Amino acid sequence: MLLRLAIRNFATVDAVALDFGAGLTVLTGETGAGKSILFDALDLLFGARADSGLVRPGAARCELEAEVTLPQESRALRWLETQDLLDPDTPRQLLLRRVLHADGGSKAWVNARQTTLAALRELAESVLDIHGQHAHQALLRGVEQRRLIDDFGGLAAPREAVRTAHAALRDCEQELAALDSAALNDSAQRELLQYQSEELQAFAPGAEEFTELNADFRRLSQADELREDCAWLLERLEGEEAIEDQLGAALRRCEALAAADPTLEDASQALLQSLEAAREARHGLQAAQDRFEGDPERLAEVSERLGAWEDLARKHRCAPAELATHAEELADTLAGAARDDARRQELEGQREALRAAYAQAATALSQARTEAGAALAAAVGERLGALGLAHARLEVEVRHEPEQCTPQGGDSVRLLVSLNPGQPLQPLAKVASGGELARISLAIAVCSRSGRRAVPVLLFDEVDVGVGGAIAEAIGEHLRMLAADNQVLCVTHQPQVAALGRAHLHVRKEVRDGATYSQIQPLDDEARVEELSRMAGGREITEQTRAHARALLAGRDLADA
């Protein structure tokens, strides 16, 4: 519900702040007074394009602000949540602000956060619906017409079944596409990888084998030199002046000194450790000397194996030390490809079943939409005569296109109308004039009002233009019915309609100091009598016209009771 609207320096309005309540609010005034200014301001707040000519002459900028409270579980609340624009302290509150500059450009805010006009227009679809002669109407859009039928028919369950079936099919096809993009679809490439993998498996490169082969090759190819080096070292450890003997003698003397001077105990320990290390070194060299035996046959085997490693590494374009890892990667790639093949076959079977399930759900939804469309057309047809469209005929066309696969099904929905006998049905926007379109929209809104609660604010701009008498009364009653479930704002020229408003705003234009100003004021009961008298009797207001005005207001009060 729209709670408040503030306007400053917009067109002929210098400054106004208005509070709004539930139900029907009517706006009246003489022709040219600017009754549609409020609607224009709301349209701009919800993303309509603007130019600097809308800024009041002499002002640097114009400012528009609105406060709206949203119904629980509304589409607008979900949209705000997805855009991270909810105010956690007042989550159902929507604050809009827009500034237009006289030198061009504008800025817009939602809940104190700057946003784009495209985002505002998207938000408007779930908050505001303008029905008027020249205003942009959601009802003219195919998406909104389809949503209207779904809401009217209570088709949430079959629509959800279609959405679920579509999501399952989409997930299946996305996984298939991912498998195809990563798959080894080239048979020649797969054969090459298979051959390379089998070649490496036959070679069986061990993870540490290349390092060990290099060590064996160095040892075997340098056996004589290594034995000589070991012999030289052992001579130093075991000869006439063996290191072990010298260390032993030094240790004995140091131990004797340490007996007299305990501070030499550390030195004794160091000599003991050195002696033990020398013994370990001797034992290790003796064992190594035994290993460093020449083995020409083994050397040939190691050389051949190393050559094979290097040949395969060059062939597979990797370092020899990486050959074992490369073999594992090739095996993993082929194993993964085999798993992908099996998964692809499984998914292809699932896809056919999912396509059939989607088609079945979409067909059921299409049939339900056809039935709901026929019911809505019949209900609207019963009301059009009372609204001055006695020969009008509405039909809802649901065209099912099986090749279309969307979360909303495969239907295109159009509202078709014929206003006169013998005229063919045509799309709503092409046939109806502004006033006719507004009245048809009113009839549709009343017939589907239980579903229209998701859009809490409905604006009707001169829906009663060109009519009077009983038709005007019927229009007023329809607006009143619609206002039972929605907040309705209506610009009207008819006293019968204006009298039914729960609140009444009057717009008048005046000239001060050579400048034109539009004043917007709420009317109390006495002021309403005067305004209704003016609307009914023109410039000449008599007691008779006042009595008629009071009678109209009394009729409203009786209806409320």
Protein backbone atom coordinates (compact mmCIF):
# COMPACT_ATOMS: atom_id res chain seq x y z
CA MET A 1 0.00 0.00 0.00
CA LEU A 2 1.19 3.50 -0.83
CA LEU A 3 1.53 5.36 2.46
CA ARG A 4 3.08 8.66 1.48
CA LEU A 5 4.09 10.62 -1.61
CA ALA A 6 6.20 13.80 -1.53
CA ILE A 7 6.84 15.98 -4.58
CA ARG A 8 9.04 19.04 -4.91
CA ASN A 9 9.60 21.18 -8.02
CA PHE A 10 7.91 18.72 -10.38
CA ALA A 11 6.12 20.21 -13.41
CA THR A 12 3.64 22.76 -11.99
CA VAL A 13 3.91 21.48 -8.38
CA ASP A 14 6.29 23.36 -6.12
CA ALA A 15 5.91 21.24 -2.99
CA VAL A 16 3.33 18.75 -1.72
CA ALA A 17 3.33 15.81 0.71
CA LEU A 18 0.31 13.50 0.79
CA ASP A 19 -0.64 10.59 3.03
CA PHE A 20 -2.70 7.73 1.63
CA GLY A 21 -4.89 5.07 3.19
CA ALA A 22 -6.44 1.80 2.13
CA GLY A 23 -9.36 1.46 -0.26
CA LEU A 24 -10.35 3.89 -2.99
CA THR A 25 -8.81 7.36 -3.24
CA VAL A 26 -10.22 9.64 -5.94
CA LEU A 27 -8.56 12.65 -7.56
CA THR A 28 -10.66 15.35 -9.19
CA GLY A 29 -10.23 18.83 -10.60
CA GLU A 30 -10.97 20.93 -13.60
CA THR A 31 -9.62 20.01 -17.00
CA GLY A 32 -5.96 21.00 -17.28
CA ALA A 33 -5.45 21.30 -13.52
CA GLY A 34 -2.85 18.55 -13.54
CA LYS A 35 -4.77 15.65 -12.01
CA SER A 36 -2.40 13.10 -13.51
CA ILE A 37 0.67 14.65 -11.89
CA LEU A 38 0.57 12.18 -9.01
CA PHE A 39 0.46 9.26 -11.41
CA ASP A 40 3.30 10.74 -13.44
CA ALA A 41 5.35 11.12 -10.26
CA LEU A 42 4.73 7.51 -9.26
CA ASP A 43 5.57 6.34 -12.75
CA LEU A 44 8.92 8.15 -12.53
CA LEU A 45 9.61 6.75 -9.08
CA PHE A 46 9.20 3.30 -10.56
CA GLY A 47 11.67 3.78 -13.38
CA ALA A 48 9.97 5.70 -16.20
CA ARG A 49 12.33 7.72 -18.34
CA ALA A 50 12.34 11.47 -17.78
CA ASP A 51 13.80 14.63 -19.23
CA SER A 52 14.88 17.87 -17.65
CA GLY A 53 11.68 19.58 -18.87
CA LEU A 54 9.83 17.98 -15.96
CA VAL A 55 11.81 20.09 -13.48
CA ARG A 56 9.83 23.16 -12.47
CA PRO A 57 11.13 26.25 -14.29
CA GLY A 58 13.63 28.13 -12.16
CA ALA A 59 14.47 25.12 -9.96
CA ALA A 60 17.80 23.29 -10.06
CA ARG A 61 16.22 19.89 -9.55
CA CYS A 62 13.02 18.11 -8.64
CA GLU A 63 12.70 15.49 -5.90
CA LEU A 64 10.18 12.65 -5.65
CA GLU A 65 9.78 10.36 -2.67
CA ALA A 66 7.35 7.57 -1.83
CA GLU A 67 6.84 5.18 1.06
CA VAL A 68 5.13 1.84 0.42
CA THR A 69 4.32 -1.05 2.73
CA LEU A 70 4.35 -4.44 1.03
CA PRO A 71 2.13 -7.48 1.66
CA GLN A 72 3.63 -10.57 3.23
CA GLU A 73 4.91 -13.12 0.71
CA SER A 74 4.67 -10.59 -2.12
CA ARG A 75 6.80 -10.84 -5.25
CA ALA A 76 8.22 -7.41 -4.41
CA LEU A 77 9.59 -8.66 -1.08
CA ARG A 78 11.27 -11.60 -2.77
CA TRP A 79 12.74 -9.26 -5.37
CA LEU A 80 14.12 -6.91 -2.70
CA GLU A 81 15.64 -9.88 -0.90
CA THR A 82 17.39 -11.17 -4.02
CA GLN A 83 18.74 -7.66 -4.69
CA ASP A 84 19.91 -7.31 -1.06
CA LEU A 85 17.72 -4.20 -0.67
CA LEU A 86 15.59 -5.25 2.31
CA ASP A 87 15.79 -3.10 5.42
CA PRO A 88 16.23 -5.64 8.27
CA ASP A 89 14.53 -3.32 10.77
CA THR A 90 11.44 -2.74 8.60
CA PRO A 91 11.52 -5.54 5.98
CA ARG A 92 8.07 -4.77 4.56
CA GLN A 93 8.84 -1.09 4.03
CA LEU A 94 9.82 0.22 0.61
CA LEU A 95 11.30 3.71 0.36
CA LEU A 96 11.75 5.20 -3.10
CA ARG A 97 13.52 8.42 -4.03
CA ARG A 98 14.34 9.97 -7.37
CA VAL A 99 16.01 13.24 -8.26
CA LEU A 100 15.82 14.89 -11.70
CA HIS A 101 18.31 17.66 -12.49
CA ALA A 102 17.47 20.66 -14.62
CA ASP A 103 20.75 20.30 -16.52
CA GLY A 104 19.96 16.65 -17.36
CA GLY A 105 20.43 13.31 -15.67
CA SER A 106 18.74 11.68 -12.71
CA LYS A 107 19.45 9.37 -9.78
CA ALA A 108 17.24 6.85 -8.02
CA TRP A 109 17.34 5.09 -4.64
CA VAL A 110 15.57 2.08 -3.12
CA ASN A 111 15.71 1.90 0.67
CA ALA A 112 18.51 4.50 0.69
CA ARG A 113 20.65 2.53 -1.79
CA GLN A 114 21.24 3.91 -5.28
CA THR A 115 19.87 1.75 -8.07
CA THR A 116 19.14 1.74 -11.80
CA LEU A 117 16.00 2.61 -13.70
CA ALA A 118 15.92 -0.92 -15.11
CA ALA A 119 15.82 -2.30 -11.55
CA LEU A 120 13.00 0.10 -10.64
CA ARG A 121 10.96 -0.98 -13.66
CA GLU A 122 11.45 -4.61 -12.66
CA LEU A 123 10.31 -3.80 -9.12
CA ALA A 124 7.29 -1.86 -10.42
CA GLU A 125 5.80 -5.01 -11.95
CA SER A 126 5.05 -6.38 -8.47
CA VAL A 127 4.08 -3.12 -6.73
CA LEU A 128 2.29 -0.77 -9.11
CA ASP A 129 -0.16 -1.27 -11.98
CA ILE A 130 -1.22 1.80 -13.96
CA HIS A 131 -4.39 1.66 -16.06
CA GLY A 132 -4.94 4.74 -18.14
CA GLN A 133 -5.34 6.25 -21.53
CA HIS A 134 -1.67 6.90 -22.13
CA ALA A 135 0.06 5.12 -19.27
CA HIS A 136 2.23 2.08 -19.64
CA GLN A 137 0.18 -0.95 -18.63
CA ALA A 138 1.45 -4.29 -17.41
CA LEU A 139 -1.74 -5.86 -18.79
CA LEU A 140 -0.51 -5.29 -22.34
CA ARG A 141 2.57 -7.46 -21.85
CA GLY A 142 2.42 -11.14 -22.72
CA VAL A 143 4.25 -12.17 -19.57
CA GLU A 144 1.74 -10.31 -17.41
CA GLN A 145 -1.20 -11.77 -19.34
CA ARG A 146 0.12 -15.28 -18.72
CA ARG A 147 0.64 -14.50 -15.04
CA LEU A 148 -2.90 -13.09 -14.87
CA ILE A 149 -4.36 -16.37 -16.20
CA ASP A 150 -2.22 -18.44 -13.84
CA ASP A 151 -3.27 -16.37 -10.83
CA PHE A 152 -6.93 -16.35 -11.83
CA GLY A 153 -6.98 -20.10 -12.38
CA GLY A 154 -5.04 -20.90 -9.20
CA LEU A 155 -2.47 -22.75 -11.28
CA ALA A 156 0.41 -22.60 -8.79
CA ALA A 157 0.62 -26.42 -8.52
CA PRO A 158 0.76 -27.27 -12.27
CA ARG A 159 3.06 -24.28 -12.84
CA GLU A 160 5.41 -25.57 -10.12
CA ALA A 161 5.27 -29.04 -11.68
CA VAL A 162 6.44 -27.52 -14.98
CA ARG A 163 9.18 -25.53 -13.25
CA THR A 164 10.42 -28.63 -11.42
CA ALA A 165 10.37 -30.75 -14.59
CA HIS A 166 12.20 -28.02 -16.50
CA ALA A 167 14.86 -27.71 -13.79
CA ALA A 168 15.49 -31.47 -13.84
CA LEU A 169 15.75 -31.50 -17.64
CA ARG A 170 18.00 -28.43 -17.64
CA ASP A 171 20.35 -30.01 -15.06
CA CYS A 172 20.54 -33.20 -17.13
CA GLU A 173 21.31 -31.31 -20.34
CA GLN A 174 23.89 -29.11 -18.62
CA GLU A 175 25.70 -32.18 -17.29
CA LEU A 176 25.62 -33.73 -20.76
CA ALA A 177 27.02 -30.53 -22.25
CA ALA A 178 29.80 -30.50 -19.65
CA LEU A 179 30.64 -34.13 -20.46
CA ASP A 180 30.70 -33.35 -24.17
CA SER A 181 33.00 -30.37 -23.71
CA ALA A 182 35.45 -32.39 -21.60
CA ALA A 183 35.12 -35.69 -23.45
CA LEU A 184 37.57 -37.44 -25.76
CA ASN A 185 35.17 -37.31 -28.68
CA ASP A 186 37.92 -37.62 -31.30
CA SER A 187 38.33 -41.37 -31.87
CA ALA A 188 41.82 -40.90 -33.32
CA GLN A 189 42.92 -38.97 -30.25
CA ARG A 190 41.44 -41.57 -27.93
CA GLU A 191 43.20 -44.39 -29.85
CA LEU A 192 46.49 -42.54 -29.58
CA LEU A 193 46.09 -42.05 -25.83
CA GLN A 194 45.11 -45.71 -25.45
CA TYR A 195 48.23 -46.81 -27.33
CA GLN A 196 50.47 -44.51 -25.29
CA SER A 197 48.95 -45.70 -22.03
CA GLU A 198 49.38 -49.38 -22.95
CA GLU A 199 52.97 -48.68 -24.00
CA LEU A 200 53.71 -47.07 -20.64
CA GLN A 201 51.90 -49.80 -18.73
CA ALA A 202 54.04 -52.40 -20.50
CA PHE A 203 57.18 -50.43 -19.63
CA ALA A 204 55.91 -50.10 -16.01
CA PRO A 205 58.02 -47.14 -14.85
CA GLY A 206 58.31 -47.21 -11.06
CA ALA A 207 57.92 -44.03 -9.06
CA GLU A 208 61.56 -44.09 -7.74
CA GLU A 209 63.06 -46.32 -10.41
CA PHE A 210 64.72 -43.61 -12.48
CA THR A 211 66.53 -42.19 -9.43
CA GLU A 212 67.66 -45.68 -8.38
CA LEU A 213 68.84 -46.54 -11.89
CA ASN A 214 70.98 -43.42 -12.03
CA ALA A 215 72.53 -44.28 -8.68
CA ASP A 216 73.26 -47.85 -9.81
CA PHE A 217 74.75 -46.58 -13.07
CA ARG A 218 77.12 -44.21 -11.28
CA ARG A 219 78.15 -46.97 -8.85
CA LEU A 220 78.69 -49.63 -11.50
CA SER A 221 80.38 -47.41 -14.05
CA GLN A 222 82.83 -46.05 -11.43
CA ALA A 223 83.42 -49.28 -9.45
CA ASP A 224 87.24 -49.33 -9.76
CA GLU A 225 87.63 -45.70 -8.77
CA LEU A 226 85.27 -46.14 -5.85
CA ARG A 227 87.13 -49.21 -4.56
CA GLU A 228 90.41 -47.29 -4.73
CA ASP A 229 88.90 -44.39 -2.80
CA CYS A 230 87.59 -46.78 -0.14
CA ALA A 231 91.00 -48.47 0.14
CA TRP A 232 92.74 -45.12 0.60
CA LEU A 233 90.29 -44.14 3.34
CA LEU A 234 90.58 -47.50 5.11
CA GLU A 235 94.39 -47.18 5.06
CA ARG A 236 94.02 -43.92 6.95
CA LEU A 237 91.74 -45.59 9.48
CA GLU A 238 93.58 -48.95 9.84
CA GLY A 239 97.25 -48.34 8.86
CA GLU A 240 100.37 -47.81 10.93
CA GLU A 241 99.20 -44.37 11.97
CA ALA A 242 95.53 -45.27 12.05
CA ILE A 243 93.17 -42.55 13.16
CA GLU A 244 91.44 -44.97 15.51
CA ASP A 245 94.71 -45.78 17.31
CA GLN A 246 95.57 -42.12 17.70
CA LEU A 247 92.12 -41.27 18.97
CA GLY A 248 92.30 -44.20 21.43
CA ALA A 249 95.59 -43.03 22.82
CA ALA A 250 94.38 -39.47 23.08
CA LEU A 251 91.24 -40.62 24.86
CA ARG A 252 93.21 -42.58 27.48
CA ARG A 253 95.47 -39.63 28.30
CA CYS A 254 92.52 -37.21 28.46
CA GLU A 255 90.64 -39.53 30.80
CA ALA A 256 93.66 -39.58 33.10
CA LEU A 257 93.79 -35.81 33.08
CA ALA A 258 90.05 -35.59 33.70
CA ALA A 259 90.53 -37.71 36.82
CA ALA A 260 92.73 -34.93 38.15
CA ASP A 261 90.75 -32.06 36.63
CA PRO A 262 86.99 -32.77 36.15
CA THR A 263 86.67 -29.82 33.77
CA LEU A 264 88.25 -32.02 31.08
CA GLU A 265 85.35 -34.48 31.22
CA ASP A 266 83.69 -32.78 28.20
CA ALA A 267 86.89 -33.13 26.22
CA SER A 268 86.97 -36.85 27.06
CA GLN A 269 83.40 -37.27 25.87
CA ALA A 270 84.20 -35.50 22.62
CA LEU A 271 87.18 -37.79 21.97
CA LEU A 272 85.05 -40.83 22.77
CA GLN A 273 82.42 -39.74 20.26
CA SER A 274 85.08 -39.12 17.63
CA LEU A 275 86.51 -42.59 18.19
CA GLU A 276 83.08 -44.18 17.81
CA ALA A 277 82.43 -42.15 14.64
CA ALA A 278 85.75 -43.31 13.17
CA ARG A 279 84.85 -46.94 13.88
CA GLU A 280 81.44 -46.48 12.22
CA ALA A 281 83.09 -44.86 9.21
CA ARG A 282 85.52 -47.83 8.91
CA HIS A 283 82.69 -50.34 9.04
CA GLY A 284 80.72 -48.41 6.41
CA LEU A 285 83.71 -48.17 4.09
CA GLN A 286 84.45 -51.88 4.44
CA ALA A 287 80.82 -52.70 3.49
CA ALA A 288 80.94 -50.27 0.55
CA GLN A 289 84.23 -51.74 -0.69
CA ASP A 290 82.51 -55.11 -0.95
CA ARG A 291 79.66 -53.57 -2.96
CA PHE A 292 81.92 -51.72 -5.36
CA GLU A 293 82.61 -54.83 -7.37
CA GLY A 294 82.58 -54.56 -11.14
CA ASP A 295 79.46 -56.14 -12.77
CA PRO A 296 79.50 -55.59 -16.56
CA GLU A 297 76.26 -57.50 -17.15
CA ARG A 298 74.35 -55.47 -14.57
CA LEU A 299 75.88 -52.26 -15.91
CA ALA A 300 74.61 -53.15 -19.39
CA GLU A 301 71.14 -53.84 -18.04
CA VAL A 302 71.03 -50.51 -16.18
CA SER A 303 72.31 -48.61 -19.21
CA GLU A 304 69.68 -50.19 -21.45
CA ARG A 305 66.87 -49.43 -19.01
CA LEU A 306 68.00 -45.82 -18.60
CA GLY A 307 68.08 -45.42 -22.37
CA ALA A 308 64.54 -46.75 -22.62
CA TRP A 309 63.43 -44.27 -19.96
CA GLU A 310 64.95 -41.35 -21.84
CA ASP A 311 63.55 -42.52 -25.21
CA LEU A 312 60.01 -42.80 -23.80
CA ALA A 313 60.32 -39.45 -22.03
CA ARG A 314 61.24 -37.74 -25.29
CA LYS A 315 58.41 -39.50 -27.06
CA HIS A 316 55.89 -38.36 -24.46
CA ARG A 317 57.44 -34.90 -24.17
CA CYS A 318 58.19 -34.98 -20.49
CA ALA A 319 61.22 -35.19 -18.23
CA PRO A 320 62.38 -38.79 -17.53
CA ALA A 321 61.70 -38.32 -13.81
CA GLU A 322 58.08 -37.39 -14.68
CA LEU A 323 57.40 -40.49 -16.80
CA ALA A 324 55.78 -42.51 -13.99
CA THR A 325 53.44 -39.62 -13.13
CA HIS A 326 52.62 -39.16 -16.81
CA ALA A 327 51.71 -42.84 -17.08
CA GLU A 328 49.31 -42.50 -14.13
CA GLU A 329 47.73 -39.38 -15.62
CA LEU A 330 47.15 -41.11 -18.96
CA ALA A 331 45.55 -44.07 -17.22
CA ASP A 332 43.36 -41.73 -15.15
CA THR A 333 42.31 -39.81 -18.28
CA LEU A 334 41.24 -42.96 -20.06
CA ALA A 335 39.48 -44.30 -16.97
CA GLY A 336 37.66 -40.99 -16.60
CA ALA A 337 36.67 -41.08 -20.27
CA ALA A 338 35.25 -44.56 -19.77
CA ARG A 339 33.29 -43.37 -16.75
CA ASP A 340 32.06 -40.36 -18.75
CA ASP A 341 30.91 -42.67 -21.54
CA ALA A 342 28.88 -44.71 -19.09
CA ARG A 343 27.47 -41.59 -17.45
CA ARG A 344 26.61 -40.11 -20.84
CA GLN A 345 24.64 -43.19 -21.81
CA GLU A 346 22.83 -43.04 -18.49
CA LEU A 347 22.03 -39.32 -18.91
CA GLU A 348 20.86 -39.75 -22.48
CA GLY A 349 18.36 -42.29 -21.28
CA GLN A 350 17.29 -39.98 -18.46
CA ARG A 351 16.97 -37.04 -20.84
CA GLU A 352 14.34 -38.77 -22.92
CA ALA A 353 12.34 -39.59 -19.80
CA LEU A 354 12.72 -36.02 -18.50
CA ARG A 355 11.64 -34.57 -21.83
CA ALA A 356 8.54 -36.71 -21.73
CA ALA A 357 7.82 -35.65 -18.13
CA TYR A 358 8.27 -31.98 -19.03
CA ALA A 359 6.05 -32.28 -22.10
CA GLN A 360 3.35 -33.95 -20.02
CA ALA A 361 3.50 -31.27 -17.30
CA ALA A 362 3.59 -28.44 -19.87
CA THR A 363 0.60 -29.90 -21.73
CA ALA A 364 -1.37 -30.22 -18.49
CA LEU A 365 -0.53 -26.61 -17.60
CA SER A 366 -1.53 -25.45 -21.08
CA GLN A 367 -4.88 -27.19 -20.79
CA ALA A 368 -5.45 -25.65 -17.36
CA ARG A 369 -4.57 -22.22 -18.76
CA THR A 370 -7.01 -22.69 -21.61
CA GLU A 371 -9.78 -23.52 -19.14
CA ALA A 372 -8.85 -20.62 -16.84
CA GLY A 373 -8.69 -18.24 -19.81
CA ALA A 374 -12.17 -19.26 -20.95
CA ALA A 375 -13.51 -18.79 -17.42
CA LEU A 376 -11.92 -15.34 -17.11
CA ALA A 377 -13.21 -14.28 -20.54
CA ALA A 378 -16.73 -15.35 -19.55
CA ALA A 379 -16.56 -13.52 -16.23
CA VAL A 380 -15.23 -10.34 -17.85
CA GLY A 381 -17.83 -10.55 -20.60
CA GLU A 382 -20.62 -10.41 -18.03
CA ARG A 383 -19.28 -7.08 -16.76
CA LEU A 384 -18.38 -5.29 -19.98
CA GLY A 385 -21.97 -4.36 -20.80
CA ALA A 386 -22.44 -2.53 -17.52
CA LEU A 387 -19.21 -0.65 -18.24
CA GLY A 388 -20.50 0.73 -21.55
CA LEU A 389 -19.00 -1.98 -23.75
CA ALA A 390 -22.12 -3.98 -24.52
CA HIS A 391 -20.80 -5.39 -27.78
CA ALA A 392 -17.29 -6.08 -26.59
CA ARG A 393 -16.05 -9.65 -26.54
CA LEU A 394 -12.91 -10.85 -24.79
CA GLU A 395 -11.11 -14.07 -25.55
CA VAL A 396 -7.96 -15.51 -24.02
CA GLU A 397 -5.77 -17.21 -26.60
CA VAL A 398 -3.43 -19.86 -25.21
CA ARG A 399 -1.13 -21.05 -27.95
CA HIS A 400 0.87 -24.11 -26.98
CA GLU A 401 4.23 -24.45 -28.71
CA PRO A 402 5.69 -27.88 -27.82
CA GLU A 403 9.15 -26.92 -29.10
CA GLN A 404 9.33 -24.15 -26.52
CA CYS A 405 10.91 -25.34 -23.28
CA THR A 406 10.91 -22.74 -20.49
CA PRO A 407 10.30 -22.83 -16.73
CA GLN A 408 6.86 -21.28 -17.45
CA GLY A 409 5.88 -23.88 -20.01
CA GLY A 410 5.51 -23.65 -23.76
CA ASP A 411 2.55 -21.27 -23.94
CA SER A 412 2.13 -17.81 -25.37
CA VAL A 413 -0.92 -16.11 -23.87
CA ARG A 414 -2.75 -13.17 -25.49
CA LEU A 415 -5.84 -11.24 -24.54
CA LEU A 416 -7.89 -10.65 -27.70
CA VAL A 417 -10.86 -8.32 -27.94
CA SER A 418 -13.54 -7.33 -30.40
CA LEU A 419 -15.43 -4.14 -29.53
CA ASN A 420 -18.14 -4.30 -32.17
CA PRO A 421 -20.18 -7.05 -33.84
CA GLY A 422 -18.54 -8.41 -36.94
CA GLN A 423 -15.08 -7.19 -36.01
CA PRO A 424 -12.37 -9.84 -35.67
CA LEU A 425 -10.61 -10.48 -32.39
CA GLN A 426 -7.35 -8.60 -32.16
CA PRO A 427 -4.72 -8.02 -29.46
CA LEU A 428 -5.94 -5.74 -26.69
CA ALA A 429 -3.44 -2.95 -27.38
CA LYS A 430 -4.37 -2.69 -31.07
CA VAL A 431 -8.14 -2.45 -30.70
CA ALA A 432 -9.07 -0.51 -27.60
CA SER A 433 -8.84 3.25 -27.15
CA GLY A 434 -7.46 4.64 -23.92
CA GLY A 435 -10.82 4.82 -22.15
CA GLU A 436 -11.99 1.45 -23.46
CA LEU A 437 -8.74 -0.16 -22.47
CA ALA A 438 -9.00 1.26 -18.96
CA ARG A 439 -12.54 -0.09 -18.57
CA ILE A 440 -11.59 -3.52 -19.89
CA SER A 441 -8.66 -3.51 -17.48
CA LEU A 442 -11.02 -2.58 -14.67
CA ALA A 443 -13.33 -5.48 -15.50
CA ILE A 444 -10.39 -7.90 -15.66
CA ALA A 445 -8.98 -6.58 -12.39
CA VAL A 446 -12.32 -6.99 -10.60
CA CYS A 447 -12.83 -10.52 -11.93
CA SER A 448 -9.33 -11.54 -10.93
CA ARG A 449 -8.92 -9.36 -7.85
CA SER A 450 -8.13 -12.28 -5.49
CA GLY A 451 -5.05 -12.96 -7.57
CA ARG A 452 -4.20 -9.30 -8.05
CA ARG A 453 -3.45 -8.74 -4.39
CA ALA A 454 0.17 -9.49 -5.25
CA VAL A 455 0.23 -6.03 -6.92
CA PRO A 456 -0.96 -3.86 -4.02
CA VAL A 457 -1.35 -0.45 -5.72
CA LEU A 458 -3.65 0.03 -8.73
CA LEU A 459 -3.92 3.37 -10.53
CA PHE A 460 -6.79 4.22 -12.89
CA ASP A 461 -6.38 7.39 -14.92
CA GLU A 462 -9.71 8.71 -16.28
CA VAL A 463 -11.23 5.26 -16.57
CA ASP A 464 -14.65 6.94 -16.85
CA VAL A 465 -13.80 9.37 -19.65
CA GLY A 466 -16.60 9.85 -22.17
CA VAL A 467 -19.28 8.09 -20.13
CA GLY A 468 -21.89 9.13 -17.63
CA GLY A 469 -25.08 8.10 -15.89
CA ALA A 470 -25.51 4.41 -15.22
CA ILE A 471 -22.18 3.51 -16.81
CA ALA A 472 -20.33 5.92 -14.55
CA GLU A 473 -22.11 4.40 -11.56
CA ALA A 474 -21.12 0.92 -12.71
CA ILE A 475 -17.51 2.03 -13.08
CA GLY A 476 -17.59 3.43 -9.58
CA GLU A 477 -19.02 0.20 -8.18
CA HIS A 478 -16.35 -1.82 -9.92
CA LEU A 479 -13.64 0.42 -8.52
CA ARG A 480 -15.20 0.07 -5.10
CA MET A 481 -15.21 -3.73 -5.38
CA LEU A 482 -11.60 -3.71 -6.49
CA ALA A 483 -10.66 -1.43 -3.60
CA ALA A 484 -11.94 -4.02 -1.11
CA ASP A 485 -8.78 -6.06 -1.73
CA ASN A 486 -6.40 -3.46 -3.16
CA GLN A 487 -5.41 0.15 -2.73
CA VAL A 488 -6.91 2.00 -5.70
CA LEU A 489 -6.18 5.56 -6.83
CA CYS A 490 -8.44 6.94 -9.54
CA VAL A 491 -8.51 10.17 -11.52
CA THR A 492 -12.15 10.79 -12.40
CA HIS A 493 -14.48 13.34 -14.00
CA GLN A 494 -17.69 11.72 -12.79
CA PRO A 495 -19.33 12.70 -9.49
CA GLN A 496 -20.87 9.22 -9.21
CA VAL A 497 -17.34 7.77 -9.13
CA ALA A 498 -15.81 10.49 -6.98
CA ALA A 499 -18.50 10.06 -4.33
CA LEU A 500 -17.47 6.45 -3.73
CA GLY A 501 -13.92 7.27 -2.68
CA ARG A 502 -12.88 6.67 0.89
CA ALA A 503 -10.55 9.67 0.45
CA HIS A 504 -10.81 12.57 -2.00
CA LEU A 505 -7.93 14.68 -3.34
CA HIS A 506 -8.63 17.87 -5.25
CA VAL A 507 -6.24 19.35 -7.80
CA ARG A 508 -6.50 22.97 -8.85
CA LYS A 509 -4.30 25.28 -10.84
CA GLU A 510 -3.61 28.92 -10.02
CA VAL A 511 -1.31 31.66 -11.29
CA ARG A 512 0.81 33.65 -8.84
CA ASP A 513 3.30 36.32 -9.85
CA GLY A 514 3.17 35.15 -13.45
CA ALA A 515 3.89 31.51 -12.56
CA THR A 516 1.50 28.53 -12.69
CA TYR A 517 1.07 26.30 -9.64
CA SER A 518 -0.91 23.09 -9.13
CA GLN A 519 -2.28 22.62 -5.62
CA ILE A 520 -3.28 19.17 -4.33
CA GLN A 521 -5.39 19.07 -1.18
CA PRO A 522 -7.41 16.41 0.64
CA LEU A 523 -11.09 17.37 1.02
CA ASP A 524 -13.26 17.02 4.09
CA ASP A 525 -16.98 16.17 3.80
CA GLU A 526 -18.15 19.77 3.25
CA ALA A 527 -15.46 20.46 0.68
CA ARG A 528 -16.42 17.23 -1.06
CA VAL A 529 -19.99 18.40 -1.33
CA GLU A 530 -18.80 21.56 -3.09
CA GLU A 531 -16.50 19.62 -5.43
CA LEU A 532 -19.17 17.05 -6.31
CA SER A 533 -21.60 19.90 -6.93
CA ARG A 534 -19.14 21.51 -9.31
CA MET A 535 -18.62 18.21 -11.11
CA ALA A 536 -22.38 17.61 -11.41
CA GLY A 537 -23.59 21.14 -12.14
CA GLY A 538 -20.66 22.94 -13.71
CA ARG A 539 -19.86 26.51 -12.65
CA GLU A 540 -23.38 27.15 -11.39
CA ILE A 541 -23.60 25.52 -7.97
CA THR A 542 -27.08 25.52 -6.49
CA GLU A 543 -28.71 24.00 -3.47
CA GLN A 544 -30.13 21.41 -5.78
CA THR A 545 -26.68 20.34 -6.96
CA ARG A 546 -25.46 20.33 -3.34
CA ALA A 547 -28.40 18.15 -2.35
CA HIS A 548 -27.52 15.78 -5.16
CA ALA A 549 -23.91 15.69 -3.99
CA ARG A 550 -24.97 14.93 -0.41
CA ALA A 551 -27.20 12.16 -1.72
CA LEU A 552 -24.26 10.63 -3.59
CA LEU A 553 -22.12 10.70 -0.44
CA ALA A 554 -24.99 9.30 1.61
CA GLY A 555 -25.26 6.43 -0.88
CA ARG A 556 -21.60 5.71 -0.34
CA ASP A 557 -22.09 5.67 3.43
CA LEU A 558 -25.05 3.30 3.12
CA ALA A 559 -22.98 0.96 0.97
CA ASP A 560 -20.17 1.04 3.53
CA ALA A 561 -22.63 0.19 6.28
